[in-house]
Amino acid sequence: MTRGTCTLVVVALTALAGGSARADHEARDGWAIGYALHRAQDDFGMGAAIATPRFAGDRLRISLGGGGAWSPHAVTGGGEQDWAGYGQASLLLEAGRRAPGSPVRLYGFGGPLLFFLPDRLSDDSLALGGVGGFGFEYYFMEDGRDGPVSYYTELGGVGTNARADKLAGSPMLANGFLIAVGLRWTL
């Protein structure tokens, strides 16, 4: 990426996150609820989460989430490709900081995952896994302070023992590269 492209990206993110990146802003903190869309390898999903206020010098946050995902590897009774849904839950630790003077928070995250597999996909009803990665949270500014809504993007990886063992080839579920986008509303 060229220096000009990097500068353009930083300016665009700053503009999207509320205009000026002021060092004298008032940060909003508290319990947060959120919604996300994600893709882990071939599986598409969505979910909701609740996050604690930040602690340990504004560096850590814990979130508890759950939702559903769909594997595209299922097959209908007529032999056609189909989506098959399954449930998931997570307990994540985030560690990061706000970039000085900006509306952007950079963080790493990781934690365990629990998958609830339907009888259609697997003989196992539960599967364990883990997730890790990094994220960028963009706060929208209002009158020199954080507004209640922030948007985030996360990139990382997922590893699980979840397999659709009732399907041909026993494809893995939710393994590989993860990308997620979402929003949080800080109460």
N, C-alpha and C. Protein backbone atom coordinates (compact mmCIF):
# COMPACT_ATOMS: atom_id res chain seq x y z
N MET A 1 0.86 -1.17 0.00
CA MET A 1 0.00 0.00 0.00
C MET A 1 0.90 1.24 0.00
N THR A 2 0.61 2.21 -0.84
CA THR A 2 1.44 3.41 -0.93
C THR A 2 1.12 4.35 0.21
N ARG A 3 2.01 5.30 0.44
CA ARG A 3 1.81 6.30 1.49
C ARG A 3 0.54 7.11 1.23
N GLY A 4 0.27 7.43 -0.02
CA GLY A 4 -0.93 8.19 -0.36
C GLY A 4 -2.20 7.41 -0.06
N THR A 5 -2.19 6.11 -0.36
CA THR A 5 -3.34 5.26 -0.06
C THR A 5 -3.56 5.16 1.44
N CYS A 6 -2.47 4.99 2.21
CA CYS A 6 -2.58 4.92 3.68
C CYS A 6 -3.16 6.22 4.24
N THR A 7 -2.68 7.34 3.74
CA THR A 7 -3.19 8.63 4.20
C THR A 7 -4.68 8.76 3.88
N LEU A 8 -5.07 8.36 2.70
CA LEU A 8 -6.47 8.42 2.30
C LEU A 8 -7.34 7.54 3.20
N VAL A 9 -6.87 6.34 3.54
CA VAL A 9 -7.63 5.44 4.41
C VAL A 9 -7.80 6.07 5.80
N VAL A 10 -6.72 6.62 6.36
CA VAL A 10 -6.80 7.24 7.69
C VAL A 10 -7.75 8.43 7.68
N VAL A 11 -7.68 9.26 6.67
CA VAL A 11 -8.58 10.42 6.57
C VAL A 11 -10.03 9.96 6.43
N ALA A 12 -10.28 8.95 5.61
CA ALA A 12 -11.64 8.44 5.43
C ALA A 12 -12.19 7.85 6.72
N LEU A 13 -11.39 7.08 7.43
CA LEU A 13 -11.86 6.50 8.70
C LEU A 13 -12.14 7.57 9.73
N THR A 14 -11.28 8.58 9.79
CA THR A 14 -11.50 9.69 10.72
C THR A 14 -12.79 10.43 10.38
N ALA A 15 -13.03 10.67 9.10
CA ALA A 15 -14.26 11.34 8.69
C ALA A 15 -15.48 10.50 9.01
N LEU A 16 -15.40 9.19 8.76
CA LEU A 16 -16.52 8.31 9.06
C LEU A 16 -16.80 8.23 10.56
N ALA A 17 -15.77 8.34 11.35
CA ALA A 17 -15.93 8.19 12.79
C ALA A 17 -16.27 9.49 13.47
N GLY A 18 -16.58 10.51 12.74
CA GLY A 18 -17.11 11.71 13.37
C GLY A 18 -16.34 12.97 13.11
N GLY A 19 -15.47 12.99 12.14
CA GLY A 19 -14.81 14.23 11.80
C GLY A 19 -13.46 14.36 12.45
N SER A 20 -13.28 15.40 13.25
CA SER A 20 -11.97 15.69 13.77
C SER A 20 -11.55 14.69 14.84
N ALA A 21 -10.30 14.34 14.83
CA ALA A 21 -9.74 13.45 15.84
C ALA A 21 -9.14 14.33 16.93
N ARG A 22 -9.93 14.67 17.92
CA ARG A 22 -9.50 15.59 18.96
C ARG A 22 -8.96 14.82 20.15
N ALA A 23 -7.90 15.33 20.75
CA ALA A 23 -7.32 14.69 21.91
C ALA A 23 -8.12 15.00 23.17
N ASP A 24 -8.94 16.04 23.15
CA ASP A 24 -9.67 16.44 24.36
C ASP A 24 -11.10 15.90 24.38
N HIS A 25 -11.35 14.80 23.74
CA HIS A 25 -12.68 14.21 23.71
C HIS A 25 -12.98 13.53 25.06
N GLU A 26 -14.25 13.32 25.32
CA GLU A 26 -14.67 12.57 26.50
C GLU A 26 -15.09 11.19 26.03
N ALA A 27 -14.39 10.17 26.50
CA ALA A 27 -14.68 8.80 26.09
C ALA A 27 -15.93 8.30 26.80
N ARG A 28 -16.77 7.59 26.07
CA ARG A 28 -17.96 6.96 26.65
C ARG A 28 -17.58 5.54 27.04
N ASP A 29 -17.98 5.14 28.22
CA ASP A 29 -17.71 3.78 28.67
C ASP A 29 -18.91 3.30 29.48
N GLY A 30 -19.16 2.03 29.43
CA GLY A 30 -20.26 1.42 30.17
C GLY A 30 -20.59 0.08 29.53
N TRP A 31 -21.65 -0.53 30.00
CA TRP A 31 -22.12 -1.76 29.40
C TRP A 31 -22.52 -1.48 27.95
N ALA A 32 -22.28 -2.44 27.08
CA ALA A 32 -22.61 -2.25 25.67
C ALA A 32 -23.31 -3.50 25.14
N ILE A 33 -24.25 -3.27 24.24
CA ILE A 33 -24.90 -4.37 23.55
C ILE A 33 -24.57 -4.21 22.06
N GLY A 34 -24.46 -5.33 21.37
CA GLY A 34 -24.04 -5.23 19.99
C GLY A 34 -24.65 -6.30 19.11
N TYR A 35 -24.49 -6.08 17.82
CA TYR A 35 -24.98 -6.97 16.78
C TYR A 35 -23.86 -7.12 15.76
N ALA A 36 -23.69 -8.32 15.21
CA ALA A 36 -22.62 -8.53 14.24
C ALA A 36 -23.04 -9.49 13.14
N LEU A 37 -22.44 -9.30 11.99
CA LEU A 37 -22.48 -10.25 10.87
C LEU A 37 -21.07 -10.80 10.74
N HIS A 38 -20.94 -12.09 10.51
CA HIS A 38 -19.60 -12.65 10.38
C HIS A 38 -19.57 -13.79 9.37
N ARG A 39 -18.36 -14.05 8.94
CA ARG A 39 -18.11 -15.18 8.05
C ARG A 39 -16.86 -15.88 8.56
N ALA A 40 -17.00 -17.16 8.87
CA ALA A 40 -15.88 -17.99 9.29
C ALA A 40 -15.72 -19.08 8.23
N GLN A 41 -14.68 -18.93 7.43
CA GLN A 41 -14.43 -19.79 6.29
C GLN A 41 -15.64 -19.74 5.35
N ASP A 42 -16.39 -20.82 5.16
CA ASP A 42 -17.54 -20.80 4.27
C ASP A 42 -18.84 -20.46 4.97
N ASP A 43 -18.86 -20.46 6.28
CA ASP A 43 -20.11 -20.30 7.04
C ASP A 43 -20.43 -18.84 7.31
N PHE A 44 -21.67 -18.45 7.05
CA PHE A 44 -22.16 -17.10 7.31
C PHE A 44 -22.95 -17.12 8.62
N GLY A 45 -22.81 -16.06 9.41
CA GLY A 45 -23.55 -16.02 10.67
C GLY A 45 -23.87 -14.62 11.11
N MET A 46 -24.67 -14.56 12.17
CA MET A 46 -25.01 -13.29 12.81
C MET A 46 -25.24 -13.58 14.28
N GLY A 47 -25.09 -12.54 15.09
CA GLY A 47 -25.27 -12.75 16.51
C GLY A 47 -25.35 -11.45 17.27
N ALA A 48 -25.51 -11.59 18.57
CA ALA A 48 -25.59 -10.45 19.48
C ALA A 48 -24.66 -10.71 20.64
N ALA A 49 -24.25 -9.64 21.32
CA ALA A 49 -23.34 -9.76 22.45
C ALA A 49 -23.59 -8.66 23.44
N ILE A 50 -23.20 -8.91 24.67
CA ILE A 50 -23.18 -7.89 25.71
C ILE A 50 -21.75 -7.80 26.20
N ALA A 51 -21.25 -6.58 26.40
CA ALA A 51 -19.86 -6.36 26.80
C ALA A 51 -19.81 -5.54 28.08
N THR A 52 -18.84 -5.85 28.92
CA THR A 52 -18.65 -5.12 30.16
C THR A 52 -18.07 -3.74 29.87
N PRO A 53 -18.14 -2.85 30.85
CA PRO A 53 -17.35 -1.62 30.73
C PRO A 53 -15.87 -2.01 30.70
N ARG A 54 -15.04 -1.15 30.12
CA ARG A 54 -13.61 -1.43 30.08
C ARG A 54 -13.03 -1.31 31.50
N PHE A 55 -12.01 -2.11 31.78
CA PHE A 55 -11.39 -2.08 33.11
C PHE A 55 -9.89 -2.27 32.96
N ALA A 56 -9.17 -2.35 34.07
CA ALA A 56 -7.70 -2.48 34.08
C ALA A 56 -7.05 -1.32 33.31
N GLY A 57 -7.36 -0.13 33.76
CA GLY A 57 -6.78 1.05 33.10
C GLY A 57 -7.31 1.28 31.72
N ASP A 58 -8.57 0.95 31.50
CA ASP A 58 -9.23 1.15 30.22
C ASP A 58 -8.68 0.24 29.12
N ARG A 59 -8.06 -0.89 29.52
CA ARG A 59 -7.40 -1.76 28.55
C ARG A 59 -8.16 -3.05 28.25
N LEU A 60 -9.01 -3.53 29.14
CA LEU A 60 -9.66 -4.82 28.97
C LEU A 60 -11.18 -4.70 28.95
N ARG A 61 -11.81 -5.65 28.27
CA ARG A 61 -13.27 -5.76 28.25
C ARG A 61 -13.61 -7.22 28.00
N ILE A 62 -14.69 -7.70 28.60
CA ILE A 62 -15.16 -9.06 28.42
C ILE A 62 -16.52 -9.01 27.73
N SER A 63 -16.74 -9.91 26.79
CA SER A 63 -18.05 -9.97 26.13
C SER A 63 -18.56 -11.40 26.10
N LEU A 64 -19.85 -11.53 26.19
CA LEU A 64 -20.56 -12.79 26.10
C LEU A 64 -21.50 -12.69 24.92
N GLY A 65 -21.40 -13.61 23.98
CA GLY A 65 -22.21 -13.51 22.77
C GLY A 65 -22.82 -14.83 22.36
N GLY A 66 -23.77 -14.74 21.47
CA GLY A 66 -24.42 -15.92 20.92
C GLY A 66 -25.10 -15.58 19.62
N GLY A 67 -25.41 -16.61 18.86
CA GLY A 67 -26.08 -16.36 17.59
C GLY A 67 -26.20 -17.63 16.79
N GLY A 68 -26.37 -17.43 15.50
CA GLY A 68 -26.53 -18.56 14.60
C GLY A 68 -25.64 -18.40 13.40
N ALA A 69 -25.33 -19.53 12.78
CA ALA A 69 -24.54 -19.54 11.55
C ALA A 69 -25.11 -20.61 10.63
N TRP A 70 -24.75 -20.52 9.37
CA TRP A 70 -25.27 -21.45 8.37
C TRP A 70 -24.13 -21.99 7.54
N SER A 71 -24.09 -23.30 7.42
CA SER A 71 -23.11 -23.97 6.57
C SER A 71 -23.73 -24.17 5.19
N PRO A 72 -23.00 -23.88 4.12
CA PRO A 72 -23.54 -24.08 2.77
C PRO A 72 -23.33 -25.50 2.23
N HIS A 73 -22.85 -26.40 3.07
CA HIS A 73 -22.50 -27.74 2.60
C HIS A 73 -23.62 -28.77 2.75
N ALA A 74 -24.77 -28.37 3.27
CA ALA A 74 -25.87 -29.34 3.44
C ALA A 74 -26.51 -29.66 2.09
N VAL A 75 -27.26 -30.74 2.08
CA VAL A 75 -27.92 -31.19 0.85
C VAL A 75 -29.38 -31.50 1.18
N THR A 76 -30.28 -31.07 0.31
CA THR A 76 -31.70 -31.36 0.49
C THR A 76 -31.98 -32.83 0.17
N GLY A 77 -33.20 -33.28 0.48
CA GLY A 77 -33.61 -34.64 0.14
C GLY A 77 -33.51 -34.91 -1.35
N GLY A 78 -33.63 -33.87 -2.17
CA GLY A 78 -33.54 -34.00 -3.63
C GLY A 78 -32.12 -33.90 -4.16
N GLY A 79 -31.12 -33.79 -3.24
CA GLY A 79 -29.73 -33.74 -3.67
C GLY A 79 -29.20 -32.37 -4.02
N GLU A 80 -29.96 -31.29 -3.72
CA GLU A 80 -29.52 -29.93 -4.02
C GLU A 80 -28.79 -29.32 -2.82
N GLN A 81 -27.84 -28.43 -3.13
CA GLN A 81 -27.12 -27.74 -2.05
C GLN A 81 -28.10 -26.91 -1.23
N ASP A 82 -27.85 -26.87 0.10
CA ASP A 82 -28.75 -26.18 1.01
C ASP A 82 -27.93 -25.60 2.17
N TRP A 83 -28.50 -24.61 2.83
CA TRP A 83 -27.91 -24.06 4.05
C TRP A 83 -28.42 -24.86 5.24
N ALA A 84 -27.55 -25.15 6.19
CA ALA A 84 -27.96 -25.82 7.42
C ALA A 84 -27.47 -24.98 8.60
N GLY A 85 -28.40 -24.58 9.45
CA GLY A 85 -28.07 -23.70 10.56
C GLY A 85 -27.58 -24.43 11.80
N TYR A 86 -26.80 -23.71 12.60
CA TYR A 86 -26.35 -24.20 13.90
C TYR A 86 -26.14 -23.00 14.82
N GLY A 87 -26.15 -23.25 16.13
CA GLY A 87 -25.99 -22.19 17.12
C GLY A 87 -24.55 -22.08 17.60
N GLN A 88 -24.23 -20.92 18.16
CA GLN A 88 -22.89 -20.71 18.68
C GLN A 88 -22.93 -19.74 19.85
N ALA A 89 -21.98 -19.88 20.76
CA ALA A 89 -21.84 -18.99 21.91
C ALA A 89 -20.35 -18.71 22.11
N SER A 90 -20.03 -17.53 22.66
CA SER A 90 -18.63 -17.16 22.86
C SER A 90 -18.47 -16.39 24.16
N LEU A 91 -17.27 -16.49 24.73
CA LEU A 91 -16.85 -15.70 25.88
C LEU A 91 -15.48 -15.15 25.50
N LEU A 92 -15.40 -13.84 25.27
CA LEU A 92 -14.18 -13.25 24.72
C LEU A 92 -13.58 -12.22 25.65
N LEU A 93 -12.26 -12.16 25.64
CA LEU A 93 -11.51 -11.12 26.32
C LEU A 93 -10.93 -10.22 25.24
N GLU A 94 -11.16 -8.92 25.37
CA GLU A 94 -10.56 -7.93 24.47
C GLU A 94 -9.50 -7.17 25.24
N ALA A 95 -8.36 -6.95 24.61
CA ALA A 95 -7.28 -6.16 25.20
C ALA A 95 -6.83 -5.14 24.17
N GLY A 96 -6.91 -3.87 24.51
CA GLY A 96 -6.51 -2.84 23.57
C GLY A 96 -6.59 -1.46 24.16
N ARG A 97 -6.37 -0.49 23.32
CA ARG A 97 -6.40 0.91 23.74
C ARG A 97 -6.92 1.78 22.63
N ARG A 98 -7.36 2.91 23.02
CA ARG A 98 -7.76 3.96 22.08
C ARG A 98 -6.50 4.55 21.47
N ALA A 99 -6.49 4.75 20.17
CA ALA A 99 -5.38 5.44 19.52
C ALA A 99 -5.39 6.89 20.01
N PRO A 100 -4.28 7.41 20.50
CA PRO A 100 -4.27 8.76 21.09
C PRO A 100 -4.82 9.81 20.14
N GLY A 101 -5.74 10.60 20.66
CA GLY A 101 -6.31 11.70 19.89
C GLY A 101 -7.22 11.30 18.77
N SER A 102 -7.72 10.06 18.77
CA SER A 102 -8.55 9.63 17.65
C SER A 102 -9.81 8.94 18.15
N PRO A 103 -10.78 8.79 17.27
CA PRO A 103 -12.01 8.06 17.61
C PRO A 103 -11.91 6.56 17.34
N VAL A 104 -10.67 6.02 17.25
CA VAL A 104 -10.47 4.62 16.90
C VAL A 104 -9.84 3.86 18.08
N ARG A 105 -10.43 2.74 18.42
CA ARG A 105 -9.89 1.84 19.44
C ARG A 105 -9.37 0.59 18.74
N LEU A 106 -8.12 0.23 18.99
CA LEU A 106 -7.49 -0.95 18.42
C LEU A 106 -7.40 -2.01 19.51
N TYR A 107 -7.72 -3.26 19.18
CA TYR A 107 -7.72 -4.29 20.22
C TYR A 107 -7.47 -5.67 19.62
N GLY A 108 -7.02 -6.56 20.48
CA GLY A 108 -6.92 -7.97 20.17
C GLY A 108 -8.00 -8.68 20.96
N PHE A 109 -8.43 -9.84 20.50
CA PHE A 109 -9.48 -10.58 21.20
C PHE A 109 -9.22 -12.07 21.08
N GLY A 110 -9.78 -12.80 22.03
CA GLY A 110 -9.66 -14.24 21.98
C GLY A 110 -10.51 -14.89 23.04
N GLY A 111 -10.85 -16.15 22.80
CA GLY A 111 -11.63 -16.87 23.79
C GLY A 111 -12.24 -18.14 23.23
N PRO A 112 -12.95 -18.85 24.11
CA PRO A 112 -13.57 -20.11 23.71
C PRO A 112 -14.89 -19.92 22.97
N LEU A 113 -15.22 -20.91 22.13
CA LEU A 113 -16.49 -20.95 21.41
C LEU A 113 -17.18 -22.27 21.72
N LEU A 114 -18.49 -22.24 21.74
CA LEU A 114 -19.29 -23.45 21.91
C LEU A 114 -20.29 -23.48 20.77
N PHE A 115 -20.38 -24.62 20.08
CA PHE A 115 -21.29 -24.77 18.96
C PHE A 115 -22.38 -25.77 19.30
N PHE A 116 -23.61 -25.47 18.92
CA PHE A 116 -24.77 -26.33 19.13
C PHE A 116 -25.17 -26.86 17.75
N LEU A 117 -24.88 -28.12 17.51
CA LEU A 117 -25.04 -28.69 16.18
C LEU A 117 -26.36 -29.45 16.06
N PRO A 118 -27.10 -29.22 14.98
CA PRO A 118 -28.36 -29.94 14.79
C PRO A 118 -28.13 -31.37 14.33
N ASP A 119 -29.10 -32.19 14.56
CA ASP A 119 -29.05 -33.61 14.17
C ASP A 119 -28.86 -33.76 12.66
N ARG A 120 -29.30 -32.79 11.90
CA ARG A 120 -29.17 -32.84 10.44
C ARG A 120 -27.72 -32.83 9.99
N LEU A 121 -26.84 -32.19 10.79
CA LEU A 121 -25.44 -32.05 10.41
C LEU A 121 -24.51 -33.06 11.07
N SER A 122 -24.77 -33.36 12.34
CA SER A 122 -23.77 -34.10 13.09
C SER A 122 -24.39 -35.04 14.11
N ASP A 123 -23.66 -36.11 14.42
CA ASP A 123 -24.04 -36.98 15.52
C ASP A 123 -23.74 -36.33 16.86
N ASP A 124 -22.79 -35.39 16.88
CA ASP A 124 -22.44 -34.64 18.11
C ASP A 124 -23.35 -33.43 18.23
N SER A 125 -23.90 -33.22 19.40
CA SER A 125 -24.77 -32.05 19.59
C SER A 125 -23.97 -30.81 20.01
N LEU A 126 -22.76 -30.99 20.56
CA LEU A 126 -21.92 -29.88 20.99
C LEU A 126 -20.52 -30.03 20.41
N ALA A 127 -19.88 -28.91 20.14
CA ALA A 127 -18.49 -28.89 19.69
C ALA A 127 -17.81 -27.67 20.31
N LEU A 128 -16.53 -27.80 20.59
CA LEU A 128 -15.75 -26.72 21.19
C LEU A 128 -14.81 -26.13 20.16
N GLY A 129 -14.42 -24.89 20.42
CA GLY A 129 -13.46 -24.23 19.55
C GLY A 129 -12.89 -23.00 20.21
N GLY A 130 -12.11 -22.28 19.45
CA GLY A 130 -11.53 -21.04 19.93
C GLY A 130 -11.44 -20.04 18.80
N VAL A 131 -11.33 -18.78 19.19
CA VAL A 131 -11.25 -17.70 18.21
C VAL A 131 -10.21 -16.69 18.70
N GLY A 132 -9.54 -16.04 17.78
CA GLY A 132 -8.60 -14.98 18.12
C GLY A 132 -8.41 -14.07 16.94
N GLY A 133 -8.06 -12.84 17.23
CA GLY A 133 -7.83 -11.89 16.14
C GLY A 133 -7.62 -10.49 16.65
N PHE A 134 -7.84 -9.53 15.79
CA PHE A 134 -7.73 -8.13 16.16
C PHE A 134 -8.89 -7.35 15.58
N GLY A 135 -9.16 -6.20 16.20
CA GLY A 135 -10.30 -5.40 15.78
C GLY A 135 -10.02 -3.92 15.78
N PHE A 136 -10.86 -3.20 15.06
CA PHE A 136 -10.84 -1.75 14.97
C PHE A 136 -12.26 -1.28 15.30
N GLU A 137 -12.39 -0.48 16.34
CA GLU A 137 -13.70 0.05 16.72
C GLU A 137 -13.70 1.56 16.46
N TYR A 138 -14.71 2.03 15.74
CA TYR A 138 -14.79 3.43 15.32
C TYR A 138 -15.92 4.11 16.08
N TYR A 139 -15.59 5.10 16.91
CA TYR A 139 -16.58 5.82 17.69
C TYR A 139 -17.04 7.04 16.92
N PHE A 140 -18.34 7.24 16.87
CA PHE A 140 -18.88 8.43 16.24
C PHE A 140 -18.98 9.52 17.28
N MET A 141 -18.36 10.66 17.00
CA MET A 141 -18.25 11.75 17.96
C MET A 141 -19.48 12.65 17.91
N GLU A 142 -19.88 13.13 19.09
CA GLU A 142 -20.95 14.11 19.23
C GLU A 142 -20.49 15.18 20.20
N ASP A 143 -20.33 16.40 19.73
CA ASP A 143 -19.94 17.53 20.58
C ASP A 143 -18.71 17.25 21.43
N GLY A 144 -17.67 16.69 20.84
CA GLY A 144 -16.43 16.46 21.53
C GLY A 144 -16.40 15.24 22.43
N ARG A 145 -17.43 14.41 22.37
CA ARG A 145 -17.42 13.18 23.17
C ARG A 145 -17.92 12.04 22.30
N ASP A 146 -17.65 10.84 22.75
CA ASP A 146 -18.12 9.67 22.01
C ASP A 146 -19.63 9.63 22.01
N GLY A 147 -20.20 9.35 20.85
CA GLY A 147 -21.63 9.10 20.78
C GLY A 147 -21.91 7.69 21.30
N PRO A 148 -23.17 7.32 21.40
CA PRO A 148 -23.49 6.00 21.97
C PRO A 148 -23.21 4.83 21.03
N VAL A 149 -23.05 5.09 19.72
CA VAL A 149 -22.89 4.01 18.77
C VAL A 149 -21.45 3.95 18.26
N SER A 150 -20.91 2.74 18.20
CA SER A 150 -19.61 2.53 17.56
C SER A 150 -19.76 1.37 16.59
N TYR A 151 -18.98 1.41 15.54
CA TYR A 151 -18.95 0.35 14.55
C TYR A 151 -17.60 -0.34 14.64
N TYR A 152 -17.56 -1.63 14.35
CA TYR A 152 -16.29 -2.32 14.44
C TYR A 152 -16.12 -3.32 13.30
N THR A 153 -14.84 -3.61 13.04
CA THR A 153 -14.43 -4.62 12.08
C THR A 153 -13.42 -5.51 12.78
N GLU A 154 -13.59 -6.83 12.65
CA GLU A 154 -12.67 -7.77 13.27
C GLU A 154 -12.16 -8.77 12.22
N LEU A 155 -10.88 -9.10 12.32
CA LEU A 155 -10.24 -10.09 11.46
C LEU A 155 -9.52 -11.09 12.35
N GLY A 156 -9.61 -12.35 12.01
CA GLY A 156 -8.94 -13.34 12.85
C GLY A 156 -9.10 -14.74 12.31
N GLY A 157 -9.03 -15.68 13.23
CA GLY A 157 -9.15 -17.07 12.86
C GLY A 157 -9.96 -17.85 13.87
N VAL A 158 -10.60 -18.91 13.40
CA VAL A 158 -11.41 -19.80 14.23
C VAL A 158 -10.91 -21.22 14.04
N GLY A 159 -10.79 -21.94 15.14
CA GLY A 159 -10.44 -23.36 15.08
C GLY A 159 -11.42 -24.14 15.94
N THR A 160 -12.01 -25.18 15.41
CA THR A 160 -12.98 -25.97 16.16
C THR A 160 -12.83 -27.45 15.82
N ASN A 161 -13.48 -28.26 16.64
CA ASN A 161 -13.58 -29.68 16.31
C ASN A 161 -14.94 -29.99 15.70
N ALA A 162 -15.67 -28.95 15.31
CA ALA A 162 -17.01 -29.12 14.74
C ALA A 162 -16.94 -29.64 13.30
N ARG A 163 -17.63 -30.73 13.06
CA ARG A 163 -17.70 -31.31 11.72
C ARG A 163 -19.13 -31.71 11.42
N ALA A 164 -19.50 -31.55 10.18
CA ALA A 164 -20.81 -32.01 9.70
C ALA A 164 -20.63 -33.45 9.27
N ASP A 165 -20.52 -34.36 10.24
CA ASP A 165 -20.17 -35.74 9.92
C ASP A 165 -21.29 -36.53 9.26
N LYS A 166 -22.47 -35.93 9.14
CA LYS A 166 -23.55 -36.60 8.42
C LYS A 166 -23.58 -36.20 6.94
N LEU A 167 -22.67 -35.32 6.54
CA LEU A 167 -22.59 -34.90 5.15
C LEU A 167 -21.39 -35.56 4.48
N ALA A 168 -21.45 -35.69 3.19
CA ALA A 168 -20.35 -36.30 2.43
C ALA A 168 -19.06 -35.53 2.68
N GLY A 169 -18.02 -36.24 3.01
CA GLY A 169 -16.72 -35.61 3.25
C GLY A 169 -16.55 -35.04 4.64
N SER A 170 -17.58 -35.06 5.48
CA SER A 170 -17.54 -34.51 6.85
C SER A 170 -16.89 -33.13 6.89
N PRO A 171 -17.45 -32.13 6.19
CA PRO A 171 -16.81 -30.81 6.16
C PRO A 171 -16.74 -30.18 7.55
N MET A 172 -15.67 -29.42 7.77
CA MET A 172 -15.50 -28.69 9.02
C MET A 172 -16.49 -27.53 9.04
N LEU A 173 -16.89 -27.14 10.24
CA LEU A 173 -17.77 -26.00 10.41
C LEU A 173 -17.01 -24.88 11.10
N ALA A 174 -17.17 -23.67 10.62
CA ALA A 174 -16.61 -22.47 11.25
C ALA A 174 -15.12 -22.57 11.52
N ASN A 175 -14.35 -23.10 10.62
CA ASN A 175 -12.90 -23.18 10.76
C ASN A 175 -12.26 -22.28 9.74
N GLY A 176 -11.19 -21.61 10.13
CA GLY A 176 -10.43 -20.81 9.19
C GLY A 176 -10.52 -19.33 9.46
N PHE A 177 -10.41 -18.56 8.39
CA PHE A 177 -10.38 -17.10 8.48
C PHE A 177 -11.72 -16.55 8.93
N LEU A 178 -11.68 -15.57 9.81
CA LEU A 178 -12.88 -14.91 10.32
C LEU A 178 -12.86 -13.44 9.95
N ILE A 179 -13.98 -12.95 9.47
CA ILE A 179 -14.19 -11.51 9.30
C ILE A 179 -15.56 -11.20 9.88
N ALA A 180 -15.60 -10.14 10.68
CA ALA A 180 -16.86 -9.74 11.31
C ALA A 180 -16.99 -8.22 11.25
N VAL A 181 -18.22 -7.77 11.09
CA VAL A 181 -18.54 -6.36 11.16
C VAL A 181 -19.76 -6.21 12.06
N GLY A 182 -19.83 -5.13 12.77
CA GLY A 182 -20.97 -4.96 13.66
C GLY A 182 -21.03 -3.57 14.26
N LEU A 183 -21.99 -3.42 15.15
CA LEU A 183 -22.14 -2.17 15.87
C LEU A 183 -22.39 -2.46 17.33
N ARG A 184 -21.99 -1.50 18.17
CA ARG A 184 -22.24 -1.58 19.61
C ARG A 184 -22.94 -0.31 20.05
N TRP A 185 -23.87 -0.48 20.95
CA TRP A 185 -24.56 0.65 21.58
C TRP A 185 -24.13 0.66 23.04
N THR A 186 -23.41 1.70 23.43
CA THR A 186 -22.94 1.83 24.82
C THR A 186 -24.02 2.52 25.64
N LEU A 187 -24.43 1.83 26.68
CA LEU A 187 -25.53 2.33 27.54
C LEU A 187 -25.04 3.40 28.51
